[in-house]
Protein backbone atom coordinates (compact mmCIF):
# COMPACT_ATOMS: atom_id res chain seq x y z
CA UNK A 1 -30.03 46.07 -72.17
CA UNK A 2 -31.43 46.01 -75.71
CA UNK A 3 -29.53 47.50 -78.63
CA UNK A 4 -32.09 50.29 -79.04
CA UNK A 5 -31.89 51.16 -75.36
CA UNK A 6 -28.08 51.20 -75.51
CA UNK A 7 -28.13 53.50 -78.53
CA UNK A 8 -30.62 55.84 -76.86
CA UNK A 9 -28.48 55.87 -73.71
CA UNK A 10 -25.42 56.77 -75.80
CA UNK A 11 -27.27 59.62 -77.53
CA UNK A 12 -28.51 60.96 -74.20
CA UNK A 13 -25.01 60.83 -72.73
CA UNK A 14 -23.59 62.55 -75.81
CA UNK A 15 -26.12 65.39 -75.54
CA UNK A 16 -25.29 65.91 -71.88
CA UNK A 17 -21.54 65.94 -72.52
CA UNK A 18 -21.82 68.32 -75.50
CA UNK A 19 -24.21 70.70 -73.71
CA UNK A 20 -21.98 70.70 -70.63
CA UNK A 21 -18.91 71.47 -72.74
CA UNK A 22 -20.67 74.28 -74.65
CA UNK A 23 -22.09 75.74 -71.45
CA UNK A 24 -18.66 75.71 -69.83
CA UNK A 25 -17.09 77.55 -72.77
CA UNK A 26 -19.91 80.13 -72.81
CA UNK A 27 -19.66 80.72 -69.04
CA UNK A 28 -15.87 81.15 -69.24
CA UNK A 29 -16.24 83.53 -72.18
CA UNK A 30 -18.87 85.66 -70.45
CA UNK A 31 -16.79 85.70 -67.26
CA UNK A 32 -13.81 87.04 -69.21
CA UNK A 33 -15.97 89.69 -70.91
CA UNK A 34 -17.65 90.78 -67.68
CA UNK A 35 -14.26 91.05 -66.00
CA UNK A 36 -13.27 93.61 -68.63
CA UNK A 37 -11.57 91.41 -71.26
CA UNK A 38 -8.17 92.58 -70.07
CA UNK A 39 -9.03 96.27 -70.54
CA UNK A 40 -9.23 97.16 -66.86
CA UNK A 41 -12.91 98.23 -66.97
CA UNK A 42 -15.64 95.73 -66.16
CA UNK A 43 -18.52 95.39 -68.63
CA UNK A 44 -20.79 95.55 -65.59
CA UNK A 45 -19.84 99.19 -65.28
CA UNK A 46 -21.45 100.00 -68.61
CA UNK A 47 -24.93 98.73 -67.73
CA UNK A 48 -26.59 101.91 -66.58
CA UNK A 49 -23.99 104.60 -67.04
CA UNK A 50 -23.18 106.48 -70.21
CA UNK A 51 -19.42 106.64 -70.87
CA UNK A 52 -17.88 109.89 -69.74
CA UNK A 53 -20.61 110.67 -67.19
CA UNK A 54 -20.47 110.52 -63.45
CA UNK A 55 -20.00 107.05 -62.06
CA UNK A 56 -17.85 105.71 -64.86
CA UNK A 57 -14.15 106.38 -65.21
CA UNK A 58 -12.94 107.66 -68.54
CA UNK A 59 -10.38 105.57 -70.36
CA UNK A 60 -7.37 107.13 -71.98
CA UNK A 61 -6.89 106.55 -75.71
CA UNK A 62 -5.09 103.29 -76.38
CA UNK A 63 -1.62 103.11 -77.85
CA UNK A 64 -1.88 100.69 -80.74
CA UNK A 65 0.96 98.20 -80.90
CA UNK A 66 1.10 94.45 -81.47
CA UNK A 67 0.28 93.60 -77.86
CA UNK A 68 -2.75 95.91 -77.83
CA UNK A 69 -3.95 94.56 -81.18
CA UNK A 70 -3.61 91.01 -79.83
CA UNK A 71 -5.56 91.98 -76.70
CA UNK A 72 -8.34 93.49 -78.83
CA UNK A 73 -8.43 90.37 -81.02
CA UNK A 74 -8.82 88.15 -77.96
CA UNK A 75 -11.52 90.46 -76.62
CA UNK A 76 -13.52 90.28 -79.86
CA UNK A 77 -13.04 86.54 -80.33
CA UNK A 78 -14.07 85.67 -76.77
CA UNK A 79 -17.02 88.05 -77.05
CA UNK A 80 -18.14 86.34 -80.25
CA UNK A 81 -17.89 82.95 -78.53
CA UNK A 82 -19.99 84.23 -75.64
CA UNK A 83 -22.64 85.72 -77.91
CA UNK A 84 -22.79 83.21 -80.77
CA UNK A 85 -22.24 79.75 -79.29
CA UNK A 86 -25.72 79.65 -77.66
CA UNK A 87 -27.36 80.11 -81.06
CA UNK A 88 -25.34 77.32 -82.70
CA UNK A 89 -25.90 74.76 -79.93
CA UNK A 90 -28.61 72.92 -81.96
CA UNK A 91 -26.19 72.47 -84.88
CA UNK A 92 -23.46 71.15 -82.60
CA UNK A 93 -25.86 68.72 -80.91
CA UNK A 94 -27.18 67.46 -84.25
CA UNK A 95 -23.65 67.04 -85.57
CA UNK A 96 -22.75 65.03 -82.48
CA UNK A 97 -25.79 62.78 -82.95
CA UNK A 98 -24.98 62.28 -86.63
CA UNK A 99 -21.38 61.45 -85.76
CA UNK A 100 -22.61 58.82 -83.32
CA UNK A 101 -24.82 57.25 -86.00
CA UNK A 102 -22.06 57.30 -88.61
CA UNK A 103 -19.44 55.82 -86.31
CA UNK A 104 -21.87 53.49 -84.48
CA UNK A 105 -19.72 52.41 -81.50
CA UNK A 106 -17.13 55.07 -82.10
CA UNK A 107 -16.51 58.18 -80.04
CA UNK A 108 -18.24 61.24 -81.55
CA UNK A 109 -16.64 63.78 -79.24
CA UNK A 110 -13.46 64.38 -81.27
CA UNK A 111 -15.24 65.34 -84.52
CA UNK A 112 -17.86 67.29 -82.56
CA UNK A 113 -15.09 69.25 -80.81
CA UNK A 114 -13.47 69.95 -84.18
CA UNK A 115 -16.80 71.09 -85.62
CA UNK A 116 -17.35 73.54 -82.74
CA UNK A 117 -13.72 74.72 -82.80
CA UNK A 118 -13.86 75.36 -86.55
CA UNK A 119 -17.07 77.34 -86.03
CA UNK A 120 -15.18 79.59 -83.61
CA UNK A 121 -12.27 79.89 -86.06
CA UNK A 122 -14.70 81.39 -88.57
CA UNK A 123 -15.57 84.00 -85.96
CA UNK A 124 -11.86 84.55 -85.38
CA UNK A 125 -11.74 85.78 -88.96
CA UNK A 126 -14.51 88.23 -88.19
CA UNK A 127 -12.63 89.32 -85.07
CA UNK A 128 -9.56 90.20 -87.15
CA UNK A 129 -11.74 92.45 -89.34
CA UNK A 130 -13.38 93.97 -86.27
CA UNK A 131 -10.00 94.85 -84.78
CA UNK A 132 -9.01 96.52 -88.05
CA UNK A 133 -12.24 98.54 -88.07
CA UNK A 134 -11.74 99.49 -84.44
CA UNK A 135 -8.22 100.72 -85.16
CA UNK A 136 -9.43 102.77 -88.13
CA UNK A 137 -12.36 104.27 -86.25
CA UNK A 138 -10.15 105.20 -83.30
CA UNK A 139 -7.58 106.84 -85.58
CA UNK A 140 -10.39 108.82 -87.20
CA UNK A 141 -11.70 109.90 -83.76
CA UNK A 142 -15.03 108.21 -84.58
CA UNK A 143 -14.74 105.82 -81.66
CA UNK A 144 -14.39 106.89 -78.04
CA UNK A 145 -11.86 105.34 -75.64
CA UNK A 146 -14.85 103.46 -74.16
CA UNK A 147 -15.25 101.76 -77.57
CA UNK A 148 -18.57 103.26 -78.54
CA UNK A 149 -19.37 105.60 -81.41
CA UNK A 150 -18.43 109.26 -81.01
CA UNK A 151 -20.20 110.32 -84.21
CA UNK A 152 -23.91 110.66 -84.96
CA UNK A 153 -23.08 110.07 -88.63
CA UNK A 154 -21.40 106.79 -87.77
CA UNK A 155 -24.35 105.87 -85.53
CA UNK A 156 -26.87 106.44 -88.28
CA UNK A 157 -24.73 104.71 -90.90
CA UNK A 158 -24.28 101.61 -88.72
CA UNK A 159 -28.00 101.40 -87.98
CA UNK A 160 -28.98 101.91 -91.63
CA UNK A 161 -26.45 99.38 -92.89
CA UNK A 162 -27.56 96.74 -90.40
CA UNK A 163 -31.23 97.39 -91.15
CA UNK A 164 -30.80 97.22 -94.93
CA UNK A 165 -28.73 94.05 -94.69
CA UNK A 166 -31.52 92.38 -92.69
CA UNK A 167 -33.71 92.67 -95.81
CA UNK A 168 -31.21 91.41 -98.40
CA UNK A 169 -31.35 88.02 -100.19
CA UNK A 170 -27.86 87.16 -98.85
CA UNK A 171 -29.07 87.61 -95.28
CA UNK A 172 -32.11 85.40 -95.94
CA UNK A 173 -30.01 82.70 -97.61
CA UNK A 174 -27.52 82.54 -94.73
CA UNK A 175 -30.28 82.69 -92.12
CA UNK A 176 -31.97 79.67 -93.74
CA UNK A 177 -28.79 77.66 -93.20
CA UNK A 178 -28.60 78.79 -89.58
CA UNK A 179 -32.32 78.15 -88.90
CA UNK A 180 -32.19 74.62 -90.31
CA UNK A 181 -29.10 72.90 -88.86
CA UNK A 182 -30.45 69.46 -89.82
CA UNK A 183 -30.68 70.50 -93.48
CA UNK A 184 -27.18 71.96 -93.31
CA UNK A 185 -25.71 68.79 -91.81
CA UNK A 186 -27.48 66.47 -94.25
CA UNK A 187 -26.48 68.50 -97.31
CA UNK A 188 -22.91 69.32 -96.21
CA UNK A 189 -21.97 66.08 -94.47
CA UNK A 190 -18.35 64.98 -94.71
CA UNK A 191 -16.89 62.11 -92.77
CA UNK A 192 -13.77 62.02 -90.64
CA UNK A 193 -12.00 64.68 -88.63
CA UNK A 194 -11.12 66.74 -91.69
CA UNK A 195 -14.75 66.68 -92.76
CA UNK A 196 -15.88 67.78 -89.30
CA UNK A 197 -13.48 70.72 -89.39
CA UNK A 198 -14.61 71.78 -92.87
CA UNK A 199 -18.26 71.56 -91.87
CA UNK A 200 -17.59 73.72 -88.81
CA UNK A 201 -15.87 76.33 -90.97
CA UNK A 202 -18.81 76.31 -93.39
CA UNK A 203 -21.40 76.58 -90.62
CA UNK A 204 -19.38 79.39 -89.04
CA UNK A 205 -19.10 81.19 -92.39
CA UNK A 206 -22.87 81.10 -92.83
CA UNK A 207 -23.30 82.41 -89.29
CA UNK A 208 -20.77 85.22 -89.79
CA UNK A 209 -22.42 86.24 -93.07
CA UNK A 210 -25.80 86.15 -91.34
CA UNK A 211 -24.83 88.26 -88.33
CA UNK A 212 -21.79 90.38 -89.17
CA UNK A 213 -23.74 93.63 -89.59
CA UNK A 214 -25.56 92.98 -86.32
CA UNK A 215 -22.24 92.48 -84.57
CA UNK A 216 -21.07 95.73 -86.15
CA UNK A 217 -23.75 97.44 -84.05
CA UNK A 218 -21.50 96.85 -81.06
CA UNK A 219 -19.65 99.96 -82.24
CA UNK A 220 -22.95 101.83 -81.94
CA UNK A 221 -24.19 100.54 -78.58
CA UNK A 222 -20.77 100.08 -77.02
CA UNK A 223 -18.40 97.15 -77.41
CA UNK A 224 -18.34 96.68 -73.63
CA UNK A 225 -21.99 97.53 -72.98
CA UNK A 226 -23.49 94.49 -71.23
CA UNK A 227 -27.11 95.27 -72.05
CA UNK A 228 -26.26 95.80 -75.71
CA UNK A 229 -24.30 92.53 -75.91
CA UNK A 230 -27.06 90.53 -74.22
CA UNK A 231 -29.70 92.22 -76.38
CA UNK A 232 -27.91 91.36 -79.62
CA UNK A 233 -27.26 87.80 -78.46
CA UNK A 234 -30.93 87.34 -77.53
CA UNK A 235 -32.10 88.66 -80.88
CA UNK A 236 -29.71 86.36 -82.77
CA UNK A 237 -31.00 83.34 -80.84
CA UNK A 238 -34.66 84.28 -81.38
CA UNK A 239 -34.10 84.96 -85.07
CA UNK A 240 -32.61 81.49 -85.50
CA UNK A 241 -34.95 79.38 -83.36
CA UNK A 242 -38.39 81.01 -83.36
CA UNK A 243 -40.86 79.79 -86.02
CA UNK A 244 -41.40 83.44 -86.95
CA UNK A 245 -37.71 84.28 -86.63
CA UNK A 246 -37.39 85.35 -90.28
CA UNK A 247 -40.28 87.79 -89.94
CA UNK A 248 -38.85 89.09 -86.69
CA UNK A 249 -35.55 89.74 -88.46
CA UNK A 250 -37.30 91.74 -91.18
CA UNK A 251 -39.25 93.79 -88.61
CA UNK A 252 -36.04 94.56 -86.75
CA UNK A 253 -34.45 95.50 -90.07
CA UNK A 254 -37.19 98.03 -90.79
CA UNK A 255 -36.90 99.39 -87.24
CA UNK A 256 -33.13 99.81 -87.62
CA UNK A 257 -33.61 101.66 -90.91
CA UNK A 258 -36.09 104.05 -89.29
CA UNK A 259 -33.79 104.51 -86.30
CA UNK A 260 -30.77 105.13 -88.51
CA UNK A 261 -32.65 107.65 -90.64
CA UNK A 262 -33.80 109.40 -87.47
CA UNK A 263 -30.25 109.70 -86.20
CA UNK A 264 -28.96 110.99 -89.52
CA UNK A 265 -31.62 113.72 -89.73
CA UNK A 266 -30.83 114.77 -86.20
CA UNK A 267 -34.03 113.62 -84.52
CA UNK A 268 -34.47 111.12 -81.72
CA UNK A 269 -36.36 107.95 -82.74
CA UNK A 270 -39.41 108.99 -80.71
CA UNK A 271 -39.50 112.50 -82.17
CA UNK A 272 -39.00 111.09 -85.67
CA UNK A 273 -42.00 108.79 -85.26
CA UNK A 274 -44.08 111.71 -84.00
CA UNK A 275 -43.19 113.68 -87.12
CA UNK A 276 -44.17 110.76 -89.35
């Protein structure tokens, strides 16, 4: 076998191994979320039924202690892994390929694993903040026991905030880093395991800053609402990979602003558009 053929075979094997590992993590994460994330209510039960209506059992308010806070942190972190890892797969694959080139005959899987793990650690930071927000919203009776908003004011505020953020320079700057993983890797490259970990943290930080307001919409649609989770995940992926992803993000931002304004003035989105 020629050297070029051997290198191509190594790259192909690396891609298969990395994709298999990522897919396994995503499947496990979604399985945990669909099983209820330790809360005793499956996310499948939230697909077509509004919390508190017939067909869905009401949950009693949670008693916040360290064990419950830890459970909520795990729920958020696993949910973020399930929703965000698919959109960062290109960056992980490119990092693995670059590691192979840098190390030549070396094994790229250790630094690639550290890169992906550090990416998830960045989302662990977001999960800590999300748990704090959840605790505050529950104490203020703004969040139902089913972990969705119990306030039209909160609904409108969340929608408006997410929509406005979609149009900000910070959002665009972070989205550029997420949409161009090759540029990120070339401009942020650091060798060794420590470098891989730092790069993963940086990539994760860009991703968190790009999507944190969108993930905040889980409080609006329902933290355990399967359709809402899949919808947000799909939008994040499309925004990052489609050629017109940036324009799509701006259009969604405008739509969220209109929707949020409609909620705050007490009109449904459809009725609000009719009035306009």
